[in-house]
Amino acid sequence: QMPELVAVLDRFKKAADAAQSKALVTVAPHDAVPHQRLVDVLNACAEAGITGVTLAGGGEGSQ
């Protein structure tokens, strides 16, 4: 559903692997983001093989 994001994350994962480093992603969604969009982003990370994903909590509106 998000082919451009998957492509960017795939390049990021390959660069991290080449540097013998773990690819880490922090997702900080705005409060108004639909839950399905967050799931789409997490699925894109999984599709790119990135397992080091954390969620950053927000307040009234994350930046």
Protein backbone atom coordinates (compact mmCIF):
# COMPACT_ATOMS: atom_id res chain seq x y z
CA GLN A 1 0.00 0.00 0.00
CA MET A 2 2.99 2.29 0.45
CA PRO A 3 5.49 1.25 -2.23
CA GLU A 4 7.58 4.44 -2.05
CA LEU A 5 7.99 4.12 1.72
CA VAL A 6 8.89 0.45 1.37
CA ALA A 7 11.55 1.36 -1.21
CA VAL A 8 13.07 4.02 1.07
CA LEU A 9 13.02 1.68 4.06
CA ASP A 10 14.56 -1.10 1.98
CA ARG A 11 17.45 1.19 0.98
CA PHE A 12 17.84 2.24 4.63
CA LYS A 13 17.94 -1.42 5.74
CA LYS A 14 20.54 -2.30 3.11
CA ALA A 15 22.70 0.67 4.16
CA ALA A 16 22.44 -0.33 7.82
CA ASP A 17 23.34 -3.93 6.98
CA ALA A 18 26.34 -2.77 4.94
CA ALA A 19 27.50 -0.71 7.92
CA GLN A 20 26.96 -3.74 10.19
CA SER A 21 24.42 -1.73 12.14
CA LYS A 22 20.82 -2.44 13.10
CA ALA A 23 18.17 -0.51 11.20
CA LEU A 24 16.09 1.30 13.81
CA VAL A 25 12.93 3.26 13.08
CA THR A 26 10.91 5.41 15.46
CA VAL A 27 7.36 6.17 14.38
CA ALA A 28 5.86 9.29 15.94
CA PRO A 29 2.34 9.65 14.56
CA HIS A 30 0.28 12.78 15.02
CA ASP A 31 -2.80 12.28 17.17
CA ALA A 32 -5.07 12.84 14.15
CA VAL A 33 -3.50 10.05 12.06
CA PRO A 34 -5.96 7.22 11.42
CA HIS A 35 -4.95 3.95 13.06
CA GLN A 36 -4.96 2.17 9.70
CA ARG A 37 -2.25 4.53 8.41
CA LEU A 38 -0.05 3.64 11.37
CA VAL A 39 -0.62 -0.04 10.58
CA ASP A 40 0.34 0.67 6.95
CA VAL A 41 3.64 2.22 8.11
CA LEU A 42 4.37 -0.70 10.42
CA ASN A 43 3.62 -3.12 7.59
CA ALA A 44 6.00 -1.19 5.32
CA CYS A 45 8.73 -1.58 7.93
CA ALA A 46 8.05 -5.30 8.13
CA GLU A 47 8.07 -5.65 4.35
CA ALA A 48 11.48 -3.97 4.25
CA GLY A 49 12.76 -6.40 6.90
CA ILE A 50 13.09 -3.79 9.63
CA THR A 51 12.30 -5.26 13.03
CA GLY A 52 13.73 -2.50 15.22
CA VAL A 53 10.61 -0.34 15.29
CA THR A 54 9.45 1.75 18.24
CA LEU A 55 6.48 4.04 18.70
CA ALA A 56 6.92 7.48 20.22
CA GLY A 57 3.92 8.70 22.15
CA GLY A 58 2.53 12.13 21.60
CA GLY A 59 0.55 14.60 23.54
CA GLU A 60 -2.12 16.80 22.07
CA GLY A 61 -0.30 16.80 18.75
CA SER A 62 3.02 15.17 18.01
CA GLN A 63 5.51 17.08 15.95
